[in-house]
N, C-alpha and C. Protein backbone atom coordinates (compact mmCIF):
# COMPACT_ATOMS: atom_id res chain seq x y z
N UNK A 1 -8.54 -18.70 45.02
CA UNK A 1 -9.73 -19.20 44.36
C UNK A 1 -10.93 -19.08 45.27
N UNK A 2 -10.74 -19.44 46.53
CA UNK A 2 -11.85 -19.39 47.49
C UNK A 2 -12.37 -17.97 47.66
N UNK A 3 -11.46 -17.01 47.71
CA UNK A 3 -11.86 -15.61 47.86
C UNK A 3 -12.72 -15.16 46.68
N UNK A 4 -12.35 -15.59 45.47
CA UNK A 4 -13.13 -15.25 44.29
C UNK A 4 -14.53 -15.84 44.34
N UNK A 5 -14.62 -17.08 44.80
CA UNK A 5 -15.94 -17.71 44.90
C UNK A 5 -16.80 -17.05 45.98
N UNK A 6 -16.15 -16.61 47.05
CA UNK A 6 -16.89 -15.89 48.09
C UNK A 6 -17.42 -14.57 47.55
N UNK A 7 -16.62 -13.90 46.74
CA UNK A 7 -17.08 -12.64 46.14
C UNK A 7 -18.23 -12.87 45.17
N UNK A 8 -18.18 -13.95 44.42
CA UNK A 8 -19.29 -14.28 43.52
C UNK A 8 -20.55 -14.56 44.34
N UNK A 9 -20.41 -15.30 45.43
CA UNK A 9 -21.55 -15.57 46.29
C UNK A 9 -22.12 -14.31 46.91
N UNK A 10 -21.25 -13.41 47.34
CA UNK A 10 -21.72 -12.15 47.90
C UNK A 10 -22.44 -11.32 46.84
N UNK A 11 -21.96 -11.35 45.62
CA UNK A 11 -22.62 -10.63 44.54
C UNK A 11 -24.00 -11.20 44.24
N UNK A 12 -24.10 -12.52 44.21
CA UNK A 12 -25.40 -13.15 43.96
C UNK A 12 -26.38 -12.86 45.10
N UNK A 13 -25.88 -12.88 46.33
CA UNK A 13 -26.72 -12.56 47.47
C UNK A 13 -27.18 -11.11 47.42
N UNK A 14 -26.27 -10.21 47.05
CA UNK A 14 -26.64 -8.80 46.93
C UNK A 14 -27.69 -8.60 45.85
N UNK A 15 -27.56 -9.31 44.75
CA UNK A 15 -28.54 -9.21 43.66
C UNK A 15 -29.91 -9.66 44.18
N UNK A 16 -29.93 -10.72 44.98
CA UNK A 16 -31.20 -11.27 45.46
C UNK A 16 -31.91 -10.34 46.44
N UNK A 17 -31.15 -9.63 47.26
CA UNK A 17 -31.79 -8.78 48.27
C UNK A 17 -31.87 -7.32 47.85
N UNK A 18 -31.55 -7.01 46.61
CA UNK A 18 -31.52 -5.61 46.16
C UNK A 18 -32.87 -4.94 46.29
N UNK A 19 -33.94 -5.57 45.86
CA UNK A 19 -35.26 -4.93 45.88
C UNK A 19 -35.75 -4.66 47.30
N UNK A 20 -35.76 -5.65 48.21
CA UNK A 20 -36.21 -5.35 49.58
C UNK A 20 -35.33 -4.33 50.30
N UNK A 21 -34.04 -4.39 50.04
CA UNK A 21 -33.12 -3.45 50.66
C UNK A 21 -33.39 -2.02 50.18
N UNK A 22 -33.61 -1.87 48.88
CA UNK A 22 -33.90 -0.54 48.31
C UNK A 22 -35.26 -0.03 48.77
N UNK A 23 -36.23 -0.92 48.90
CA UNK A 23 -37.56 -0.50 49.36
C UNK A 23 -37.48 0.01 50.80
N UNK A 24 -36.71 -0.67 51.61
CA UNK A 24 -36.56 -0.24 53.01
C UNK A 24 -35.86 1.11 53.08
N UNK A 25 -34.85 1.31 52.26
CA UNK A 25 -34.14 2.59 52.23
C UNK A 25 -35.06 3.71 51.73
N UNK A 26 -35.92 3.40 50.76
CA UNK A 26 -36.86 4.40 50.25
C UNK A 26 -37.87 4.80 51.32
N UNK A 27 -38.30 3.84 52.12
CA UNK A 27 -39.24 4.16 53.20
C UNK A 27 -38.57 5.03 54.26
N UNK A 28 -37.30 4.78 54.53
CA UNK A 28 -36.58 5.62 55.48
C UNK A 28 -36.47 7.05 54.94
N UNK A 29 -36.33 7.20 53.63
CA UNK A 29 -36.26 8.53 53.03
C UNK A 29 -37.54 9.32 53.27
N UNK A 30 -38.68 8.64 53.39
CA UNK A 30 -39.94 9.35 53.63
C UNK A 30 -39.97 9.96 55.03
N UNK A 31 -39.13 9.50 55.92
CA UNK A 31 -39.06 10.12 57.25
C UNK A 31 -38.52 11.54 57.13
N UNK A 32 -37.64 11.77 56.15
CA UNK A 32 -37.01 13.07 55.98
C UNK A 32 -37.86 13.98 55.09
N UNK A 33 -38.41 13.41 54.03
CA UNK A 33 -39.18 14.19 53.07
C UNK A 33 -40.54 13.54 52.87
N UNK A 34 -41.59 14.30 53.19
CA UNK A 34 -42.95 13.77 53.07
C UNK A 34 -43.36 13.59 51.61
N UNK A 35 -42.68 14.26 50.69
CA UNK A 35 -43.05 14.17 49.27
C UNK A 35 -42.18 13.19 48.49
N UNK A 36 -41.39 12.38 49.19
CA UNK A 36 -40.50 11.43 48.50
C UNK A 36 -41.32 10.38 47.76
N UNK A 37 -40.92 10.10 46.54
CA UNK A 37 -41.58 9.09 45.71
C UNK A 37 -40.93 7.73 46.01
N UNK A 38 -41.64 6.91 46.77
CA UNK A 38 -41.08 5.63 47.22
C UNK A 38 -40.79 4.71 46.04
N UNK A 39 -41.67 4.66 45.07
CA UNK A 39 -41.47 3.76 43.91
C UNK A 39 -40.22 4.16 43.13
N UNK A 40 -40.03 5.46 42.92
CA UNK A 40 -38.87 5.91 42.16
C UNK A 40 -37.59 5.64 42.93
N UNK A 41 -37.57 5.94 44.21
CA UNK A 41 -36.38 5.69 45.01
C UNK A 41 -36.09 4.20 45.14
N UNK A 42 -37.14 3.37 45.16
CA UNK A 42 -36.93 1.92 45.20
C UNK A 42 -36.26 1.45 43.91
N UNK A 43 -36.75 1.94 42.77
CA UNK A 43 -36.16 1.55 41.49
C UNK A 43 -34.71 2.01 41.39
N UNK A 44 -34.45 3.24 41.81
CA UNK A 44 -33.09 3.78 41.74
C UNK A 44 -32.14 2.99 42.65
N UNK A 45 -32.59 2.72 43.86
CA UNK A 45 -31.76 1.96 44.80
C UNK A 45 -31.50 0.54 44.33
N UNK A 46 -32.53 -0.08 43.74
CA UNK A 46 -32.36 -1.43 43.21
C UNK A 46 -31.31 -1.45 42.11
N UNK A 47 -31.37 -0.47 41.23
CA UNK A 47 -30.39 -0.39 40.15
C UNK A 47 -28.98 -0.22 40.70
N UNK A 48 -28.83 0.65 41.69
CA UNK A 48 -27.50 0.88 42.25
C UNK A 48 -26.94 -0.38 42.92
N UNK A 49 -27.76 -1.08 43.67
CA UNK A 49 -27.29 -2.29 44.35
C UNK A 49 -26.97 -3.38 43.34
N UNK A 50 -27.78 -3.50 42.29
CA UNK A 50 -27.54 -4.54 41.30
C UNK A 50 -26.29 -4.26 40.46
N UNK A 51 -26.00 -3.00 40.19
CA UNK A 51 -24.76 -2.66 39.47
C UNK A 51 -23.56 -3.05 40.33
N UNK A 52 -23.62 -2.75 41.61
CA UNK A 52 -22.54 -3.13 42.52
C UNK A 52 -22.42 -4.65 42.60
N UNK A 53 -23.55 -5.36 42.63
CA UNK A 53 -23.53 -6.82 42.68
C UNK A 53 -22.87 -7.41 41.44
N UNK A 54 -23.17 -6.87 40.27
CA UNK A 54 -22.55 -7.35 39.04
C UNK A 54 -21.04 -7.13 39.07
N UNK A 55 -20.62 -5.99 39.60
CA UNK A 55 -19.18 -5.73 39.72
C UNK A 55 -18.52 -6.78 40.62
N UNK A 56 -19.16 -7.11 41.74
CA UNK A 56 -18.61 -8.12 42.64
C UNK A 56 -18.51 -9.48 41.95
N UNK A 57 -19.56 -9.83 41.19
CA UNK A 57 -19.57 -11.13 40.50
C UNK A 57 -18.44 -11.20 39.47
N UNK A 58 -18.29 -10.15 38.68
CA UNK A 58 -17.25 -10.14 37.64
C UNK A 58 -15.87 -10.19 38.28
N UNK A 59 -15.63 -9.37 39.30
CA UNK A 59 -14.33 -9.37 39.96
C UNK A 59 -14.06 -10.73 40.61
N UNK A 60 -15.09 -11.33 41.21
CA UNK A 60 -14.93 -12.65 41.81
C UNK A 60 -14.56 -13.71 40.80
N UNK A 61 -15.22 -13.69 39.63
CA UNK A 61 -14.87 -14.64 38.58
C UNK A 61 -13.45 -14.43 38.10
N UNK A 62 -13.06 -13.17 37.93
CA UNK A 62 -11.69 -12.90 37.49
C UNK A 62 -10.66 -13.40 38.50
N UNK A 63 -10.92 -13.17 39.78
CA UNK A 63 -9.99 -13.65 40.81
C UNK A 63 -9.92 -15.17 40.79
N UNK A 64 -11.07 -15.83 40.68
CA UNK A 64 -11.09 -17.30 40.66
C UNK A 64 -10.35 -17.85 39.46
N UNK A 65 -10.60 -17.27 38.29
CA UNK A 65 -9.93 -17.76 37.07
C UNK A 65 -8.44 -17.50 37.12
N UNK A 66 -8.06 -16.29 37.56
CA UNK A 66 -6.64 -15.97 37.62
C UNK A 66 -5.91 -16.83 38.64
N UNK A 67 -6.56 -17.15 39.75
CA UNK A 67 -5.90 -18.00 40.74
C UNK A 67 -5.77 -19.44 40.24
N UNK A 68 -6.73 -19.87 39.42
CA UNK A 68 -6.62 -21.22 38.84
C UNK A 68 -5.48 -21.27 37.83
N UNK A 69 -5.39 -20.24 36.99
CA UNK A 69 -4.33 -20.27 35.97
C UNK A 69 -2.96 -20.04 36.58
N UNK A 70 -2.88 -19.34 37.69
CA UNK A 70 -1.59 -19.10 38.34
C UNK A 70 -1.05 -20.38 38.99
N UNK A 71 -1.94 -21.29 39.35
CA UNK A 71 -1.51 -22.51 40.01
C UNK A 71 -1.09 -23.60 39.02
N UNK A 72 -1.27 -23.37 37.74
CA UNK A 72 -0.89 -24.36 36.73
C UNK A 72 0.59 -24.37 36.45
């Protein structure tokens, strides 16, 4: 149960930091390509991190629920 709740917390934390993390990654991309569109790469990175965060939250809830029902 605790592991599931930790995964839910990690997912919520990832959701919260998705935008700044993606913006920083987009700025690093400009080091390689001078024509990189920072706004587009920020949006794309934010979407990718948030999809991963939702997966963590769902898996965490499933683990927590299954561990509760297994202990009954």
